[in-house]
């Protein structure tokens, strides 16, 4: 009785384990297209996000450069005023 049960369980187990890979291999062309389109959208979203971050970084750098230039001009103007007063 135990041997029959063990044989039945092993046959069912092998059948189930073989059926899963066969099912996975039967992907249709439409499914490939859907997956491809999904991956394309995902990639475009990531590219767009990275471009936005890059624009933000450049904007911050430009703002910092403008601020430091203004500070340097202010310091030069102050130095010139002090030079002419003395």
PDB file of N, CA and C in Angstrom:
ATOM      1  N   UNK A   1       0.822  -1.195   0.000  1.00  0.00           N
ATOM      2  CA  UNK A   1       0.000   0.000   0.000  1.00  0.00           C
ATOM      3  C   UNK A   1       0.867   1.260   0.000  1.00  0.00           C
ATOM      4  N   UNK A   2       1.890   1.293   0.846  1.00  0.00           N
ATOM      5  CA  UNK A   2       2.780   2.447   0.932  1.00  0.00           C
ATOM      6  C   UNK A   2       3.536   2.662  -0.378  1.00  0.00           C
ATOM      7  N   UNK A   3       3.946   1.546  -1.007  1.00  0.00           N
ATOM      8  CA  UNK A   3       4.695   1.663  -2.251  1.00  0.00           C
ATOM      9  C   UNK A   3       3.815   2.255  -3.348  1.00  0.00           C
ATOM     10  N   UNK A   4       2.550   1.841  -3.383  1.00  0.00           N
ATOM     11  CA  UNK A   4       1.630   2.363  -4.391  1.00  0.00           C
ATOM     12  C   UNK A   4       1.381   3.864  -4.165  1.00  0.00           C
ATOM     13  N   UNK A   5       1.216   4.229  -2.914  1.00  0.00           N
ATOM     14  CA  UNK A   5       0.990   5.633  -2.576  1.00  0.00           C
ATOM     15  C   UNK A   5       2.218   6.474  -2.918  1.00  0.00           C
ATOM     16  N   UNK A   6       3.382   5.957  -2.619  1.00  0.00           N
ATOM     17  CA  UNK A   6       4.632   6.651  -2.930  1.00  0.00           C
ATOM     18  C   UNK A   6       4.800   6.796  -4.448  1.00  0.00           C
ATOM     19  N   UNK A   7       4.473   5.743  -5.186  1.00  0.00           N
ATOM     20  CA  UNK A   7       4.569   5.793  -6.637  1.00  0.00           C
ATOM     21  C   UNK A   7       3.582   6.812  -7.205  1.00  0.00           C
ATOM     22  N   UNK A   8       2.373   6.833  -6.678  1.00  0.00           N
ATOM     23  CA  UNK A   8       1.355   7.775  -7.141  1.00  0.00           C
ATOM     24  C   UNK A   8       1.778   9.224  -6.854  1.00  0.00           C
ATOM     25  N   UNK A   9       2.292   9.452  -5.676  1.00  0.00           N
ATOM     26  CA  UNK A   9       2.730  10.803  -5.309  1.00  0.00           C
ATOM     27  C   UNK A   9       3.901  11.240  -6.189  1.00  0.00           C
ATOM     28  N   UNK A  10       4.831  10.342  -6.434  1.00  0.00           N
ATOM     29  CA  UNK A  10       5.983  10.709  -7.262  1.00  0.00           C
ATOM     30  C   UNK A  10       5.557  10.970  -8.707  1.00  0.00           C
ATOM     31  N   UNK A  11       4.612  10.194  -9.253  1.00  0.00           N
ATOM     32  CA  UNK A  11       4.120  10.418 -10.609  1.00  0.00           C
ATOM     33  C   UNK A  11       3.408  11.762 -10.697  1.00  0.00           C
ATOM     34  N   UNK A  12       2.569  12.044  -9.724  1.00  0.00           N
ATOM     35  CA  UNK A  12       1.854  13.328  -9.715  1.00  0.00           C
ATOM     36  C   UNK A  12       2.851  14.480  -9.586  1.00  0.00           C
ATOM     37  N   UNK A  13       3.845  14.316  -8.741  1.00  0.00           N
ATOM     38  CA  UNK A  13       4.863  15.350  -8.554  1.00  0.00           C
ATOM     39  C   UNK A  13       5.654  15.601  -9.821  1.00  0.00           C
ATOM     40  N   UNK A  14       6.066  14.534 -10.502  1.00  0.00           N
ATOM     41  CA  UNK A  14       6.820  14.687 -11.747  1.00  0.00           C
ATOM     42  C   UNK A  14       5.962  15.324 -12.831  1.00  0.00           C
ATOM     43  N   UNK A  15       4.711  14.931 -12.902  1.00  0.00           N
ATOM     44  CA  UNK A  15       3.811  15.488 -13.906  1.00  0.00           C
ATOM     45  C   UNK A  15       3.619  16.984 -13.676  1.00  0.00           C
ATOM     46  N   UNK A  16       3.416  17.347 -12.423  1.00  0.00           N
ATOM     47  CA  UNK A  16       3.214  18.766 -12.097  1.00  0.00           C
ATOM     48  C   UNK A  16       4.481  19.575 -12.368  1.00  0.00           C
ATOM     49  N   UNK A  17       5.632  19.021 -12.020  1.00  0.00           N
ATOM     50  CA  UNK A  17       6.883  19.759 -12.224  1.00  0.00           C
ATOM     51  C   UNK A  17       7.218  19.892 -13.704  1.00  0.00           C
ATOM     52  N   UNK A  18       6.805  18.943 -14.517  1.00  0.00           N
ATOM     53  CA  UNK A  18       7.052  19.034 -15.957  1.00  0.00           C
ATOM     54  C   UNK A  18       6.026  19.941 -16.638  1.00  0.00           C
ATOM     55  N   UNK A  19       4.835  20.009 -16.100  1.00  0.00           N
ATOM     56  CA  UNK A  19       3.779  20.801 -16.715  1.00  0.00           C
ATOM     57  C   UNK A  19       4.047  22.295 -16.550  1.00  0.00           C
ATOM     58  N   UNK A  20       4.668  22.706 -15.458  1.00  0.00           N
ATOM     59  CA  UNK A  20       4.922  24.126 -15.215  1.00  0.00           C
ATOM     60  C   UNK A  20       5.875  24.708 -16.254  1.00  0.00           C
ATOM     61  N   UNK A  21       7.020  24.093 -16.538  1.00  0.00           N
ATOM     62  CA  UNK A  21       7.890  24.671 -17.569  1.00  0.00           C
ATOM     63  C   UNK A  21       7.252  24.656 -18.964  1.00  0.00           C
ATOM     64  N   UNK A  22       6.480  23.635 -19.285  1.00  0.00           N
ATOM     65  CA  UNK A  22       5.829  23.599 -20.589  1.00  0.00           C
ATOM     66  C   UNK A  22       4.844  24.749 -20.722  1.00  0.00           C
ATOM     67  N   UNK A  23       4.146  25.048 -19.662  1.00  0.00           N
ATOM     68  CA  UNK A  23       3.169  26.141 -19.674  1.00  0.00           C
ATOM     69  C   UNK A  23       3.897  27.479 -19.842  1.00  0.00           C
ATOM     70  N   UNK A  24       5.028  27.597 -19.212  1.00  0.00           N
ATOM     71  CA  UNK A  24       5.783  28.846 -19.287  1.00  0.00           C
ATOM     72  C   UNK A  24       6.359  29.067 -20.684  1.00  0.00           C
ATOM     73  N   UNK A  25       6.629  28.006 -21.404  1.00  0.00           N
ATOM     74  CA  UNK A  25       7.205  28.127 -22.734  1.00  0.00           C
ATOM     75  C   UNK A  25       6.170  28.489 -23.791  1.00  0.00           C
ATOM     76  N   UNK A  26       4.914  28.387 -23.464  1.00  0.00           N
ATOM     77  CA  UNK A  26       3.871  28.619 -24.462  1.00  0.00           C
ATOM     78  C   UNK A  26       3.408  30.079 -24.458  1.00  0.00           C
ATOM     79  N   UNK A  27       4.341  31.002 -24.489  1.00  0.00           N
ATOM     80  CA  UNK A  27       3.994  32.412 -24.517  1.00  0.00           C
ATOM     81  C   UNK A  27       3.708  32.820 -25.961  1.00  0.00           C
ATOM     82  N   UNK A  28       2.595  33.473 -26.162  1.00  0.00           N
ATOM     83  CA  UNK A  28       2.196  33.838 -27.517  1.00  0.00           C
ATOM     84  C   UNK A  28       2.932  35.093 -27.983  1.00  0.00           C
ATOM     85  N   UNK A  29       2.810  35.373 -29.264  1.00  0.00           N
ATOM     86  CA  UNK A  29       3.422  36.560 -29.844  1.00  0.00           C
ATOM     87  C   UNK A  29       2.803  37.809 -29.218  1.00  0.00           C
ATOM     88  N   UNK A  30       1.501  37.764 -29.001  1.00  0.00           N
ATOM     89  CA  UNK A  30       0.814  38.907 -28.393  1.00  0.00           C
ATOM     90  C   UNK A  30       1.357  39.166 -26.987  1.00  0.00           C
ATOM     91  N   UNK A  31       1.618  38.096 -26.257  1.00  0.00           N
ATOM     92  CA  UNK A  31       2.157  38.248 -24.900  1.00  0.00           C
ATOM     93  C   UNK A  31       3.559  38.849 -24.959  1.00  0.00           C
ATOM     94  N   UNK A  32       4.363  38.417 -25.916  1.00  0.00           N
ATOM     95  CA  UNK A  32       5.694  39.001 -26.086  1.00  0.00           C
ATOM     96  C   UNK A  32       5.579  40.495 -26.396  1.00  0.00           C
ATOM     97  N   UNK A  33       4.626  40.857 -27.254  1.00  0.00           N
ATOM     98  CA  UNK A  33       4.434  42.265 -27.601  1.00  0.00           C
ATOM     99  C   UNK A  33       4.002  43.081 -26.388  1.00  0.00           C
ATOM    100  N   UNK A  34       3.094  42.523 -25.590  1.00  0.00           N
ATOM    101  CA  UNK A  34       2.647  43.227 -24.383  1.00  0.00           C
ATOM    102  C   UNK A  34       3.804  43.426 -23.417  1.00  0.00           C
ATOM    103  N   UNK A  35       4.588  42.369 -23.225  1.00  0.00           N
ATOM    104  CA  UNK A  35       5.739  42.475 -22.316  1.00  0.00           C
ATOM    105  C   UNK A  35       6.756  43.484 -22.833  1.00  0.00           C
ATOM    106  N   UNK A  36       6.987  43.467 -24.137  1.00  0.00           N
ATOM    107  CA  UNK A  36       7.928  44.398 -24.738  1.00  0.00           C
ATOM    108  C   UNK A  36       7.451  45.841 -24.584  1.00  0.00           C
ATOM    109  N   UNK A  37       6.168  46.065 -24.826  1.00  0.00           N
ATOM    110  CA  UNK A  37       5.605  47.407 -24.685  1.00  0.00           C
ATOM    111  C   UNK A  37       5.690  47.876 -23.237  1.00  0.00           C
ATOM    112  N   UNK A  38       5.438  46.958 -22.327  1.00  0.00           N
ATOM    113  CA  UNK A  38       5.504  47.290 -20.896  1.00  0.00           C
ATOM    114  C   UNK A  38       6.934  47.677 -20.508  1.00  0.00           C
ATOM    115  N   UNK A  39       7.901  46.903 -20.969  1.00  0.00           N
ATOM    116  CA  UNK A  39       9.306  47.202 -20.677  1.00  0.00           C
ATOM    117  C   UNK A  39       9.735  48.528 -21.321  1.00  0.00           C
ATOM    118  N   UNK A  40       9.214  48.786 -22.527  1.00  0.00           N
ATOM    119  CA  UNK A  40       9.535  50.045 -23.200  1.00  0.00           C
ATOM    120  C   UNK A  40       9.004  51.228 -22.406  1.00  0.00           C
ATOM    121  N   UNK A  41       7.760  51.125 -21.940  1.00  0.00           N
ATOM    122  CA  UNK A  41       7.177  52.197 -21.129  1.00  0.00           C
ATOM    123  C   UNK A  41       7.972  52.405 -19.841  1.00  0.00           C
ATOM    124  N   UNK A  42       8.374  51.296 -19.242  1.00  0.00           N
ATOM    125  CA  UNK A  42       9.158  51.372 -18.010  1.00  0.00           C
ATOM    126  C   UNK A  42      10.491  52.079 -18.261  1.00  0.00           C
ATOM    127  N   UNK A  43      11.145  51.743 -19.373  1.00  0.00           N
ATOM    128  CA  UNK A  43      12.426  52.353 -19.723  1.00  0.00           C
ATOM    129  C   UNK A  43      12.256  53.841 -20.019  1.00  0.00           C
ATOM    130  N   UNK A  44      11.182  54.202 -20.734  1.00  0.00           N
ATOM    131  CA  UNK A  44      10.929  55.608 -21.051  1.00  0.00           C
ATOM    132  C   UNK A  44      10.678  56.410 -19.778  1.00  0.00           C
ATOM    133  N   UNK A  45       9.943  55.818 -18.859  1.00  0.00           N
ATOM    134  CA  UNK A  45       9.657  56.485 -17.589  1.00  0.00           C
ATOM    135  C   UNK A  45      10.947  56.735 -16.819  1.00  0.00           C
ATOM    136  N   UNK A  46      11.817  55.737 -16.803  1.00  0.00           N
ATOM    137  CA  UNK A  46      13.090  55.864 -16.104  1.00  0.00           C
ATOM    138  C   UNK A  46      13.970  56.925 -16.767  1.00  0.00           C
ATOM    139  N   UNK A  47      14.000  56.941 -18.099  1.00  0.00           N
ATOM    140  CA  UNK A  47      14.782  57.932 -18.834  1.00  0.00           C
ATOM    141  C   UNK A  47      14.267  59.336 -18.551  1.00  0.00           C
ATOM    142  N   UNK A  48      12.953  59.489 -18.544  1.00  0.00           N
ATOM    143  CA  UNK A  48      12.331  60.781 -18.274  1.00  0.00           C
ATOM    144  C   UNK A  48      12.663  61.257 -16.859  1.00  0.00           C
ATOM    145  N   UNK A  49      12.622  60.336 -15.914  1.00  0.00           N
ATOM    146  CA  UNK A  49      12.933  60.664 -14.518  1.00  0.00           C
ATOM    147  C   UNK A  49      14.388  61.111 -14.380  1.00  0.00           C
ATOM    148  N   UNK A  50      15.293  60.385 -15.030  1.00  0.00           N
ATOM    149  CA  UNK A  50      16.713  60.741 -14.977  1.00  0.00           C
ATOM    150  C   UNK A  50      16.969  62.097 -15.630  1.00  0.00           C
ATOM    151  N   UNK A  51      16.287  62.385 -16.739  1.00  0.00           N
ATOM    152  CA  UNK A  51      16.445  63.669 -17.417  1.00  0.00           C
ATOM    153  C   UNK A  51      15.957  64.799 -16.522  1.00  0.00           C
ATOM    154  N   UNK A  52      14.863  64.567 -15.819  1.00  0.00           N
ATOM    155  CA  UNK A  52      14.326  65.579 -14.910  1.00  0.00           C
ATOM    156  C   UNK A  52      15.308  65.858 -13.776  1.00  0.00           C
ATOM    157  N   UNK A  53      15.882  64.808 -13.217  1.00  0.00           N
ATOM    158  CA  UNK A  53      16.873  64.977 -12.155  1.00  0.00           C
ATOM    159  C   UNK A  53      18.091  65.739 -12.671  1.00  0.00           C
ATOM    160  N   UNK A  54      18.510  65.437 -13.887  1.00  0.00           N
ATOM    161  CA  UNK A  54      19.672  66.115 -14.474  1.00  0.00           C
ATOM    162  C   UNK A  54      19.377  67.597 -14.675  1.00  0.00           C
ATOM    163  N   UNK A  55      18.169  67.928 -15.162  1.00  0.00           N
ATOM    164  CA  UNK A  55      17.782  69.331 -15.334  1.00  0.00           C
ATOM    165  C   UNK A  55      17.789  70.060 -13.995  1.00  0.00           C
ATOM    166  N   UNK A  56      17.294  69.382 -12.973  1.00  0.00           N
ATOM    167  CA  UNK A  56      17.246  69.967 -11.632  1.00  0.00           C
ATOM    168  C   UNK A  56      18.660  70.246 -11.120  1.00  0.00           C
ATOM    169  N   UNK A  57      19.565  69.313 -11.333  1.00  0.00           N
ATOM    170  CA  UNK A  57      20.960  69.485 -10.903  1.00  0.00           C
ATOM    171  C   UNK A  57      21.601  70.661 -11.635  1.00  0.00           C
ATOM    172  N   UNK A  58      21.374  70.743 -12.956  1.00  0.00           N
ATOM    173  CA  UNK A  58      21.943  71.842 -13.742  1.00  0.00           C
ATOM    174  C   UNK A  58      21.376  73.200 -13.302  1.00  0.00           C
ATOM    175  N   UNK A  59      20.086  73.207 -12.991  1.00  0.00           N
ATOM    176  CA  UNK A  59      19.444  74.437 -12.542  1.00  0.00           C
ATOM    177  C   UNK A  59      20.048  74.895 -11.212  1.00  0.00           C
ATOM    178  N   UNK A  60      20.250  73.959 -10.297  1.00  0.00           N
ATOM    179  CA  UNK A  60      20.868  74.290  -9.011  1.00  0.00           C
ATOM    180  C   UNK A  60      22.294  74.802  -9.198  1.00  0.00           C
ATOM    181  N   UNK A  61      23.044  74.161 -10.089  1.00  0.00           N
ATOM    182  CA  UNK A  61      24.428  74.577 -10.332  1.00  0.00           C
ATOM    183  C   UNK A  61      24.466  75.989 -10.924  1.00  0.00           C
ATOM    184  N   UNK A  62      23.560  76.278 -11.853  1.00  0.00           N
ATOM    185  CA  UNK A  62      23.506  77.603 -12.460  1.00  0.00           C
ATOM    186  C   UNK A  62      23.141  78.654 -11.416  1.00  0.00           C
ATOM    187  N   UNK A  63      22.203  78.307 -10.557  1.00  0.00           N
ATOM    188  CA  UNK A  63      21.786  79.233  -9.502  1.00  0.00           C
ATOM    189  C   UNK A  63      22.944  79.510  -8.544  1.00  0.00           C
ATOM    190  N   UNK A  64      23.679  78.479  -8.169  1.00  0.00           N
ATOM    191  CA  UNK A  64      24.824  78.642  -7.268  1.00  0.00           C
ATOM    192  C   UNK A  64      25.913  79.483  -7.934  1.00  0.00           C
ATOM    193  N   UNK A  65      26.144  79.251  -9.213  1.00  0.00           N
ATOM    194  CA  UNK A  65      27.158  80.014  -9.943  1.00  0.00           C
ATOM    195  C   UNK A  65      26.755  81.487 -10.020  1.00  0.00           C
ATOM    196  N   UNK A  66      25.494  81.738 -10.295  1.00  0.00           N
ATOM    197  CA  UNK A  66      24.987  83.101 -10.376  1.00  0.00           C
ATOM    198  C   UNK A  66      25.134  83.802  -9.020  1.00  0.00           C
ATOM    199  N   UNK A  67      24.824  83.073  -7.964  1.00  0.00           N
ATOM    200  CA  UNK A  67      24.926  83.627  -6.613  1.00  0.00           C
ATOM    201  C   UNK A  67      26.380  83.955  -6.267  1.00  0.00           C
ATOM    202  N   UNK A  68      27.304  83.059  -6.607  1.00  0.00           N
ATOM    203  CA  UNK A  68      28.716  83.309  -6.288  1.00  0.00           C
ATOM    204  C   UNK A  68      29.270  84.462  -7.133  1.00  0.00           C
ATOM    205  N   UNK A  69      28.821  84.593  -8.382  1.00  0.00           N
ATOM    206  CA  UNK A  69      29.238  85.705  -9.235  1.00  0.00           C
ATOM    207  C   UNK A  69      28.749  87.028  -8.660  1.00  0.00           C
ATOM    208  N   UNK A  70      27.508  87.041  -8.215  1.00  0.00           N
ATOM    209  CA  UNK A  70      26.942  88.247  -7.621  1.00  0.00           C
ATOM    210  C   UNK A  70      27.703  88.627  -6.351  1.00  0.00           C
ATOM    211  N   UNK A  71      28.041  87.632  -5.537  1.00  0.00           N
ATOM    212  CA  UNK A  71      28.801  87.889  -4.313  1.00  0.00           C
ATOM    213  C   UNK A  71      30.187  88.431  -4.645  1.00  0.00           C
ATOM    214  N   UNK A  72      30.823  87.893  -5.668  1.00  0.00           N
ATOM    215  CA  UNK A  72      32.152  88.362  -6.073  1.00  0.00           C
ATOM    216  C   UNK A  72      32.083  89.802  -6.583  1.00  0.00           C
ATOM    217  N   UNK A  73      31.052  90.114  -7.364  1.00  0.00           N
ATOM    218  CA  UNK A  73      30.881  91.479  -7.862  1.00  0.00           C
ATOM    219  C   UNK A  73      30.647  92.453  -6.714  1.00  0.00           C
ATOM    220  N   UNK A  74      29.871  92.030  -5.747  1.00  0.00           N
ATOM    221  CA  UNK A  74      29.589  92.862  -4.580  1.00  0.00           C
ATOM    222  C   UNK A  74      30.872  93.116  -3.795  1.00  0.00           C
ATOM    223  N   UNK A  75      31.696  92.089  -3.626  1.00  0.00           N
ATOM    224  CA  UNK A  75      32.960  92.234  -2.908  1.00  0.00           C
ATOM    225  C   UNK A  75      33.910  93.170  -3.671  1.00  0.00           C
ATOM    226  N   UNK A  76      33.937  93.042  -5.006  1.00  0.00           N
ATOM    227  CA  UNK A  76      34.780  93.929  -5.812  1.00  0.00           C
ATOM    228  C   UNK A  76      34.317  95.386  -5.689  1.00  0.00           C
ATOM    229  N   UNK A  77      33.010  95.576  -5.736  1.00  0.00           N
ATOM    230  CA  UNK A  77      32.468  96.937  -5.628  1.00  0.00           C
ATOM    231  C   UNK A  77      32.830  97.541  -4.273  1.00  0.00           C
ATOM    232  N   UNK A  78      32.728  96.733  -3.235  1.00  0.00           N
ATOM    233  CA  UNK A  78      33.075  97.205  -1.890  1.00  0.00           C
ATOM    234  C   UNK A  78      34.562  97.550  -1.806  1.00  0.00           C
ATOM    235  N   UNK A  79      35.397  96.717  -2.384  1.00  0.00           N
ATOM    236  CA  UNK A  79      36.844  96.959  -2.376  1.00  0.00           C
ATOM    237  C   UNK A  79      37.174  98.235  -3.146  1.00  0.00           C
ATOM    238  N   UNK A  80      36.494  98.461  -4.263  1.00  0.00           N
ATOM    239  CA  UNK A  80      36.726  99.667  -5.065  1.00  0.00           C
ATOM    240  C   UNK A  80      36.296 100.917  -4.303  1.00  0.00           C
ATOM    241  N   UNK A  81      35.163 100.845  -3.602  1.00  0.00           N
ATOM    242  CA  UNK A  81      34.689 101.979  -2.824  1.00  0.00           C
ATOM    243  C   UNK A  81      35.701 102.337  -1.736  1.00  0.00           C
ATOM    244  N   UNK A  82      36.194 101.307  -1.049  1.00  0.00           N
ATOM    245  CA  UNK A  82      37.155 101.548   0.017  1.00  0.00           C
ATOM    246  C   UNK A  82      38.472 102.102  -0.545  1.00  0.00           C
ATOM    247  N   UNK A  83      38.850 101.648  -1.702  1.00  0.00           N
ATOM    248  CA  UNK A  83      40.090 102.106  -2.324  1.00  0.00           C
ATOM    249  C   UNK A  83      40.004 103.586  -2.698  1.00  0.00           C
ATOM    250  N   UNK A  84      38.859 104.014  -3.233  1.00  0.00           N
ATOM    251  CA  UNK A  84      38.679 105.392  -3.667  1.00  0.00           C
ATOM    252  C   UNK A  84      38.439 106.339  -2.501  1.00  0.00           C
ATOM    253  N   UNK A  85      37.938 105.820  -1.389  1.00  0.00           N
ATOM    254  CA  UNK A  85      37.687 106.670  -0.238  1.00  0.00           C
ATOM    255  C   UNK A  85      38.997 107.027   0.451  1.00  0.00           C
ATOM    256  N   UNK A  86      39.945 106.158   0.398  1.00  0.00           N
ATOM    257  CA  UNK A  86      41.209 106.417   1.111  1.00  0.00           C
ATOM    258  C   UNK A  86      42.135 107.200   0.282  1.00  0.00           C
TER     259      UNK A  86
END
